C-alpha atoms as a PDB file:
ATOM      1  CA  UNK A   1    -121.731 -70.685 119.169  1.00  0.00           C
ATOM      2  CA  UNK A   2    -121.904 -67.888 121.676  1.00  0.00           C
ATOM      3  CA  UNK A   3    -123.443 -64.783 120.128  1.00  0.00           C
ATOM      4  CA  UNK A   4    -123.159 -61.071 120.805  1.00  0.00           C
ATOM      5  CA  UNK A   5    -125.453 -59.400 118.284  1.00  0.00           C
ATOM      6  CA  UNK A   6    -124.881 -55.655 118.256  1.00  0.00           C
ATOM      7  CA  UNK A   7    -126.170 -52.684 116.328  1.00  0.00           C
ATOM      8  CA  UNK A   8    -122.927 -50.694 116.409  1.00  0.00           C
ATOM      9  CA  UNK A   9    -120.189 -52.830 117.882  1.00  0.00           C
ATOM     10  CA  UNK A  10    -118.862 -52.943 121.431  1.00  0.00           C
ATOM     11  CA  UNK A  11    -120.072 -49.436 122.092  1.00  0.00           C
ATOM     12  CA  UNK A  12    -120.206 -49.253 125.895  1.00  0.00           C
ATOM     13  CA  UNK A  13    -118.859 -50.927 129.076  1.00  0.00           C
ATOM     14  CA  UNK A  14    -121.911 -53.181 129.489  1.00  0.00           C
ATOM     15  CA  UNK A  15    -121.489 -54.690 126.024  1.00  0.00           C
ATOM     16  CA  UNK A  16    -117.743 -55.022 126.579  1.00  0.00           C
ATOM     17  CA  UNK A  17    -118.362 -56.862 129.862  1.00  0.00           C
ATOM     18  CA  UNK A  18    -120.768 -59.196 128.039  1.00  0.00           C
ATOM     19  CA  UNK A  19    -118.084 -59.896 125.444  1.00  0.00           C
ATOM     20  CA  UNK A  20    -115.474 -60.721 128.083  1.00  0.00           C
ATOM     21  CA  UNK A  21    -117.978 -63.005 129.809  1.00  0.00           C
ATOM     22  CA  UNK A  22    -118.603 -64.889 126.564  1.00  0.00           C
ATOM     23  CA  UNK A  23    -114.861 -65.168 125.863  1.00  0.00           C
ATOM     24  CA  UNK A  24    -114.148 -66.445 129.359  1.00  0.00           C
ATOM     25  CA  UNK A  25    -110.856 -64.547 129.370  1.00  0.00           C
ATOM     26  CA  UNK A  26    -109.577 -61.010 128.736  1.00  0.00           C
ATOM     27  CA  UNK A  27    -109.743 -59.517 125.252  1.00  0.00           C
ATOM     28  CA  UNK A  28    -105.953 -59.112 125.357  1.00  0.00           C
ATOM     29  CA  UNK A  29    -105.617 -62.917 125.599  1.00  0.00           C
ATOM     30  CA  UNK A  30    -108.084 -63.653 122.780  1.00  0.00           C
ATOM     31  CA  UNK A  31    -107.480 -64.232 119.084  1.00  0.00           C
ATOM     32  CA  UNK A  32    -109.906 -62.727 116.575  1.00  0.00           C
ATOM     33  CA  UNK A  33    -110.802 -63.070 112.921  1.00  0.00           C
ATOM     34  CA  UNK A  34    -112.667 -60.183 111.297  1.00  0.00           C
ATOM     35  CA  UNK A  35    -115.051 -60.724 108.389  1.00  0.00           C
ATOM     36  CA  UNK A  36    -115.582 -57.651 106.158  1.00  0.00           C
ATOM     37  CA  UNK A  37    -117.558 -59.476 103.431  1.00  0.00           C
ATOM     38  CA  UNK A  38    -120.969 -57.822 104.009  1.00  0.00           C
ATOM     39  CA  UNK A  39    -119.454 -54.446 103.107  1.00  0.00           C
ATOM     40  CA  UNK A  40    -119.176 -55.369  99.431  1.00  0.00           C
ATOM     41  CA  UNK A  41    -122.896 -56.024  99.065  1.00  0.00           C
ATOM     42  CA  UNK A  42    -124.102 -52.608 100.243  1.00  0.00           C
ATOM     43  CA  UNK A  43    -124.177 -49.597  97.893  1.00  0.00           C
ATOM     44  CA  UNK A  44    -123.104 -47.204 100.653  1.00  0.00           C
ATOM     45  CA  UNK A  45    -119.899 -49.163 101.302  1.00  0.00           C
ATOM     46  CA  UNK A  46    -116.656 -49.055  99.343  1.00  0.00           C
ATOM     47  CA  UNK A  47    -113.135 -50.519  99.591  1.00  0.00           C
ATOM     48  CA  UNK A  48    -112.200 -47.810 102.093  1.00  0.00           C
ATOM     49  CA  UNK A  49    -115.115 -48.913 104.295  1.00  0.00           C
ATOM     50  CA  UNK A  50    -113.721 -52.436 104.541  1.00  0.00           C
ATOM     51  CA  UNK A  51    -110.249 -51.039 105.293  1.00  0.00           C
ATOM     52  CA  UNK A  52    -111.612 -48.821 108.062  1.00  0.00           C
ATOM     53  CA  UNK A  53    -113.422 -51.777 109.639  1.00  0.00           C
ATOM     54  CA  UNK A  54    -110.368 -54.032 109.524  1.00  0.00           C
ATOM     55  CA  UNK A  55    -108.015 -51.380 110.907  1.00  0.00           C
ATOM     56  CA  UNK A  56    -110.426 -50.070 113.538  1.00  0.00           C
ATOM     57  CA  UNK A  57    -110.593 -46.634 111.930  1.00  0.00           C
ATOM     58  CA  UNK A  58    -114.308 -46.212 112.666  1.00  0.00           C
ATOM     59  CA  UNK A  59    -116.503 -45.101 115.547  1.00  0.00           C
ATOM     60  CA  UNK A  60    -117.862 -48.665 115.843  1.00  0.00           C
ATOM     61  CA  UNK A  61    -115.567 -50.544 118.260  1.00  0.00           C
ATOM     62  CA  UNK A  62    -114.750 -54.052 117.017  1.00  0.00           C
ATOM     63  CA  UNK A  63    -111.272 -54.623 115.627  1.00  0.00           C
ATOM     64  CA  UNK A  64    -109.590 -51.982 117.796  1.00  0.00           C
ATOM     65  CA  UNK A  65    -110.376 -53.488 121.215  1.00  0.00           C
ATOM     66  CA  UNK A  66    -106.854 -54.745 121.925  1.00  0.00           C
ATOM     67  CA  UNK A  67    -106.980 -58.339 120.694  1.00  0.00           C
ATOM     68  CA  UNK A  68    -104.028 -60.695 121.195  1.00  0.00           C
ATOM     69  CA  UNK A  69    -104.115 -61.264 117.436  1.00  0.00           C
ATOM     70  CA  UNK A  70    -106.340 -60.150 114.593  1.00  0.00           C
ATOM     71  CA  UNK A  71    -106.690 -61.706 111.152  1.00  0.00           C
ATOM     72  CA  UNK A  72    -108.953 -61.118 108.166  1.00  0.00           C
ATOM     73  CA  UNK A  73    -111.279 -63.863 106.912  1.00  0.00           C
ATOM     74  CA  UNK A  74    -112.652 -62.811 103.514  1.00  0.00           C
ATOM     75  CA  UNK A  75    -115.445 -65.269 102.741  1.00  0.00           C
ATOM     76  CA  UNK A  76    -115.398 -64.728  98.969  1.00  0.00           C
ATOM     77  CA  UNK A  77    -111.851 -66.147  98.892  1.00  0.00           C
ATOM     78  CA  UNK A  78    -112.560 -69.324 100.848  1.00  0.00           C
ATOM     79  CA  UNK A  79    -114.073 -71.516  98.086  1.00  0.00           C
ATOM     80  CA  UNK A  80    -110.903 -71.106  96.028  1.00  0.00           C
ATOM     81  CA  UNK A  81    -108.417 -72.160  98.728  1.00  0.00           C
ATOM     82  CA  UNK A  82    -110.056 -75.272 100.196  1.00  0.00           C
ATOM     83  CA  UNK A  83    -111.433 -76.144 103.614  1.00  0.00           C
ATOM     84  CA  UNK A  84    -108.190 -77.818 104.679  1.00  0.00           C
ATOM     85  CA  UNK A  85    -106.651 -74.335 104.864  1.00  0.00           C
ATOM     86  CA  UNK A  86    -109.334 -72.073 106.272  1.00  0.00           C
ATOM     87  CA  UNK A  87    -111.287 -74.348 108.635  1.00  0.00           C
ATOM     88  CA  UNK A  88    -108.324 -74.616 111.054  1.00  0.00           C
ATOM     89  CA  UNK A  89    -108.055 -70.821 111.076  1.00  0.00           C
ATOM     90  CA  UNK A  90    -111.671 -70.553 112.183  1.00  0.00           C
ATOM     91  CA  UNK A  91    -111.423 -73.322 114.775  1.00  0.00           C
ATOM     92  CA  UNK A  92    -108.333 -71.749 116.337  1.00  0.00           C
ATOM     93  CA  UNK A  93    -109.948 -68.307 116.729  1.00  0.00           C
ATOM     94  CA  UNK A  94    -111.669 -67.283 119.942  1.00  0.00           C
ATOM     95  CA  UNK A  95    -113.955 -64.782 118.249  1.00  0.00           C
ATOM     96  CA  UNK A  96    -115.245 -63.705 114.847  1.00  0.00           C
ATOM     97  CA  UNK A  97    -115.928 -60.001 114.330  1.00  0.00           C
ATOM     98  CA  UNK A  98    -118.460 -59.588 111.551  1.00  0.00           C
ATOM     99  CA  UNK A  99    -118.901 -56.249 109.790  1.00  0.00           C
ATOM    100  CA  UNK A 100    -122.107 -54.583 108.728  1.00  0.00           C
ATOM    101  CA  UNK A 101    -123.196 -54.042 105.140  1.00  0.00           C
ATOM    102  CA  UNK A 102    -125.827 -56.163 103.428  1.00  0.00           C
ATOM    103  CA  UNK A 103    -126.992 -59.220 105.358  1.00  0.00           C
ATOM    104  CA  UNK A 104    -128.317 -61.082 102.320  1.00  0.00           C
ATOM    105  CA  UNK A 105    -124.963 -60.763 100.524  1.00  0.00           C
ATOM    106  CA  UNK A 106    -123.182 -61.960 103.658  1.00  0.00           C
ATOM    107  CA  UNK A 107    -125.654 -64.845 103.913  1.00  0.00           C
ATOM    108  CA  UNK A 108    -124.877 -65.932 100.353  1.00  0.00           C
ATOM    109  CA  UNK A 109    -121.149 -66.062 101.017  1.00  0.00           C
ATOM    110  CA  UNK A 110    -121.505 -67.755 104.365  1.00  0.00           C
ATOM    111  CA  UNK A 111    -123.317 -70.532 102.534  1.00  0.00           C
ATOM    112  CA  UNK A 112    -121.057 -70.591  99.459  1.00  0.00           C
ATOM    113  CA  UNK A 113    -117.883 -70.604 101.550  1.00  0.00           C
ATOM    114  CA  UNK A 114    -119.063 -73.362 103.864  1.00  0.00           C
ATOM    115  CA  UNK A 115    -118.848 -71.206 107.001  1.00  0.00           C
ATOM    116  CA  UNK A 116    -122.597 -71.499 107.614  1.00  0.00           C
ATOM    117  CA  UNK A 117    -122.324 -75.294 107.738  1.00  0.00           C
ATOM    118  CA  UNK A 118    -119.394 -75.060 110.160  1.00  0.00           C
ATOM    119  CA  UNK A 119    -121.148 -72.831 112.706  1.00  0.00           C
ATOM    120  CA  UNK A 120    -122.963 -75.572 114.688  1.00  0.00           C
ATOM    121  CA  UNK A 121    -119.633 -77.237 115.523  1.00  0.00           C
ATOM    122  CA  UNK A 122    -118.082 -74.014 116.888  1.00  0.00           C
ATOM    123  CA  UNK A 123    -119.486 -74.363 120.385  1.00  0.00           C
ATOM    124  CA  UNK A 124    -116.890 -72.225 122.178  1.00  0.00           C
ATOM    125  CA  UNK A 125    -116.393 -69.580 119.481  1.00  0.00           C
ATOM    126  CA  UNK A 126    -117.883 -66.121 120.026  1.00  0.00           C
ATOM    127  CA  UNK A 127    -119.649 -64.395 117.116  1.00  0.00           C
ATOM    128  CA  UNK A 128    -119.759 -60.617 117.459  1.00  0.00           C
ATOM    129  CA  UNK A 129    -121.981 -59.107 114.798  1.00  0.00           C
ATOM    130  CA  UNK A 130    -122.291 -55.465 113.838  1.00  0.00           C
ATOM    131  CA  UNK A 131    -125.634 -54.539 112.226  1.00  0.00           C
ATOM    132  CA  UNK A 132    -125.832 -56.843 109.157  1.00  0.00           C
ATOM    133  CA  UNK A 133    -123.241 -59.048 110.834  1.00  0.00           C
ATOM    134  CA  UNK A 134    -125.861 -59.670 113.504  1.00  0.00           C
ATOM    135  CA  UNK A 135    -128.890 -59.740 111.211  1.00  0.00           C
ATOM    136  CA  UNK A 136    -127.436 -62.512 109.041  1.00  0.00           C
ATOM    137  CA  UNK A 137    -128.050 -65.004 111.858  1.00  0.00           C
ATOM    138  CA  UNK A 138    -131.766 -64.201 112.018  1.00  0.00           C
ATOM    139  CA  UNK A 139    -134.556 -65.785 109.917  1.00  0.00           C
ATOM    140  CA  UNK A 140    -135.437 -62.604 107.973  1.00  0.00           C
ATOM    141  CA  UNK A 141    -134.178 -59.033 107.768  1.00  0.00           C
ATOM    142  CA  UNK A 142    -137.204 -57.383 106.155  1.00  0.00           C
ATOM    143  CA  UNK A 143    -137.397 -55.884 102.678  1.00  0.00           C
ATOM    144  CA  UNK A 144    -136.274 -52.430 103.868  1.00  0.00           C
ATOM    145  CA  UNK A 145    -132.861 -53.820 104.856  1.00  0.00           C
ATOM    146  CA  UNK A 146    -132.132 -55.553 101.549  1.00  0.00           C
ATOM    147  CA  UNK A 147    -129.765 -53.339  99.544  1.00  0.00           C
ATOM    148  CA  UNK A 148    -128.020 -55.986  97.433  1.00  0.00           C
ATOM    149  CA  UNK A 149    -129.816 -55.938  94.095  1.00  0.00           C
ATOM    150  CA  UNK A 150    -129.267 -59.656  93.383  1.00  0.00           C
ATOM    151  CA  UNK A 151    -130.816 -60.840  96.642  1.00  0.00           C
ATOM    152  CA  UNK A 152    -133.656 -63.309  95.931  1.00  0.00           C
ATOM    153  CA  UNK A 153    -135.564 -62.286  99.092  1.00  0.00           C
ATOM    154  CA  UNK A 154    -134.945 -61.138 102.662  1.00  0.00           C
ATOM    155  CA  UNK A 155    -134.304 -64.563 104.203  1.00  0.00           C
ATOM    156  CA  UNK A 156    -131.088 -65.200 106.092  1.00  0.00           C
ATOM    157  CA  UNK A 157    -129.596 -68.092 108.096  1.00  0.00           C
ATOM    158  CA  UNK A 158    -132.081 -68.524 110.955  1.00  0.00           C
ATOM    159  CA  UNK A 159    -129.467 -69.474 113.562  1.00  0.00           C
ATOM    160  CA  UNK A 160    -131.634 -67.617 116.081  1.00  0.00           C
ATOM    161  CA  UNK A 161    -135.425 -67.496 116.027  1.00  0.00           C
ATOM    162  CA  UNK A 162    -135.818 -63.712 116.204  1.00  0.00           C
ATOM    163  CA  UNK A 163    -135.139 -60.823 113.825  1.00  0.00           C
ATOM    164  CA  UNK A 164    -133.270 -57.575 114.531  1.00  0.00           C
ATOM    165  CA  UNK A 165    -134.038 -53.978 113.604  1.00  0.00           C
ATOM    166  CA  UNK A 166    -130.719 -52.134 114.232  1.00  0.00           C
ATOM    167  CA  UNK A 167    -129.830 -48.480 114.785  1.00  0.00           C
ATOM    168  CA  UNK A 168    -133.132 -47.674 116.483  1.00  0.00           C
ATOM    169  CA  UNK A 169    -133.568 -43.920 116.744  1.00  0.00           C
ATOM    170  CA  UNK A 170    -131.355 -43.086 113.782  1.00  0.00           C
ATOM    171  CA  UNK A 171    -133.277 -40.541 111.728  1.00  0.00           C
ATOM    172  CA  UNK A 172    -134.968 -40.476 109.308  1.00  0.00           C
ATOM    173  CA  UNK A 173    -135.547 -44.176 108.629  1.00  0.00           C
ATOM    174  CA  UNK A 174    -134.886 -46.096 111.834  1.00  0.00           C
ATOM    175  CA  UNK A 175    -137.571 -44.566 114.004  1.00  0.00           C
ATOM    176  CA  UNK A 176    -139.786 -46.505 116.401  1.00  0.00           C
ATOM    177  CA  UNK A 177    -142.634 -46.069 113.933  1.00  0.00           C
ATOM    178  CA  UNK A 178    -140.452 -47.597 111.241  1.00  0.00           C
ATOM    179  CA  UNK A 179    -139.574 -50.457 113.575  1.00  0.00           C
ATOM    180  CA  UNK A 180    -143.251 -51.135 114.249  1.00  0.00           C
ATOM    181  CA  UNK A 181    -144.050 -51.293 110.537  1.00  0.00           C
ATOM    182  CA  UNK A 182    -141.033 -53.534 109.969  1.00  0.00           C
ATOM    183  CA  UNK A 183    -142.085 -55.865 112.796  1.00  0.00           C
ATOM    184  CA  UNK A 184    -145.556 -56.220 111.288  1.00  0.00           C
ATOM    185  CA  UNK A 185    -143.943 -57.326 108.016  1.00  0.00           C
ATOM    186  CA  UNK A 186    -141.576 -59.757 109.758  1.00  0.00           C
ATOM    187  CA  UNK A 187    -144.536 -61.439 111.530  1.00  0.00           C
ATOM    188  CA  UNK A 188    -142.291 -63.205 114.046  1.00  0.00           C
ATOM    189  CA  UNK A 189    -140.439 -62.400 117.261  1.00  0.00           C
ATOM    190  CA  UNK A 190    -138.132 -59.423 116.771  1.00  0.00           C
ATOM    191  CA  UNK A 191    -136.059 -56.859 118.624  1.00  0.00           C
ATOM    192  CA  UNK A 192    -135.521 -53.218 117.767  1.00  0.00           C
ATOM    193  CA  UNK A 193    -132.184 -52.135 119.273  1.00  0.00           C
ATOM    194  CA  UNK A 194    -130.269 -48.884 119.298  1.00  0.00           C
ATOM    195  CA  UNK A 195    -126.516 -48.442 118.992  1.00  0.00           C
ATOM    196  CA  UNK A 196    -126.014 -48.838 122.758  1.00  0.00           C
ATOM    197  CA  UNK A 197    -127.708 -52.247 122.843  1.00  0.00           C
ATOM    198  CA  UNK A 198    -126.704 -55.836 122.092  1.00  0.00           C
ATOM    199  CA  UNK A 199    -128.373 -59.237 122.306  1.00  0.00           C
ATOM    200  CA  UNK A 200    -126.360 -61.936 124.051  1.00  0.00           C
ATOM    201  CA  UNK A 201    -127.215 -65.557 123.246  1.00  0.00           C
ATOM    202  CA  UNK A 202    -125.679 -68.462 125.167  1.00  0.00           C
ATOM    203  CA  UNK A 203    -126.980 -72.043 124.900  1.00  0.00           C
ATOM    204  CA  UNK A 204    -130.298 -70.723 123.609  1.00  0.00           C
ATOM    205  CA  UNK A 205    -130.716 -68.206 126.442  1.00  0.00           C
ATOM    206  CA  UNK A 206    -131.349 -64.680 125.169  1.00  0.00           C
ATOM    207  CA  UNK A 207    -130.332 -61.622 127.207  1.00  0.00           C
ATOM    208  CA  UNK A 208    -130.560 -57.976 126.193  1.00  0.00           C
ATOM    209  CA  UNK A 209    -127.517 -55.939 127.234  1.00  0.00           C
ATOM    210  CA  UNK A 210    -128.235 -52.242 126.991  1.00  0.00           C
ATOM    211  CA  UNK A 211    -127.260 -48.760 128.071  1.00  0.00           C
ATOM    212  CA  UNK A 212    -129.768 -47.363 125.593  1.00  0.00           C
ATOM    213  CA  UNK A 213    -133.181 -48.201 124.173  1.00  0.00           C
ATOM    214  CA  UNK A 214    -134.744 -51.325 122.759  1.00  0.00           C
ATOM    215  CA  UNK A 215    -138.107 -52.993 122.259  1.00  0.00           C
ATOM    216  CA  UNK A 216    -139.237 -56.587 121.906  1.00  0.00           C
ATOM    217  CA  UNK A 217    -141.957 -57.310 119.369  1.00  0.00           C
ATOM    218  CA  UNK A 218    -143.353 -60.721 120.341  1.00  0.00           C
ATOM    219  CA  UNK A 219    -144.705 -63.009 117.671  1.00  0.00           C
END
């Protein structure tokens, strides 16, 4: 897959340009599926939160970018309808737009639905993550970012070999000091990124795209 791992969506022209580069064509010619599943695992989210994400009624640009088509892929529904129905939907999409919420809850349903197993075969598909939608692809999120009470631990999918501390600079919790303590717990390569920053991953090559602030914590 081609990855655009954001803290707060496609929040500036540099991140938008990175998205268009990954798509290889204009947004207006691209089909998207949005995944709101992570919202249901976070205590600060509610049904209205998922609706706002899907309809683009938020300040986090994702679903409202002018896509050729936009559908909803709710992962909790997939096990009950069969892969013969939903796998073609995923393969036909140019991009998946993945909401924030709780990354461990999203991880569970990516595995239970079968989407996690499908990812390696989606070589041309673009994954655009927002906060937890980005963090789910990392090896660990850190205990401070686990809000789902049934989560066994902070481990996630490990598609990439680095972790992400999102919303850098957001008071009172997401300070640089907080990021440094988090990175010491993670004990592996990690990035702290603010809401004007994204991490672009293509064929294993990692590039930071930013009009804001970020920091790499090497392993």
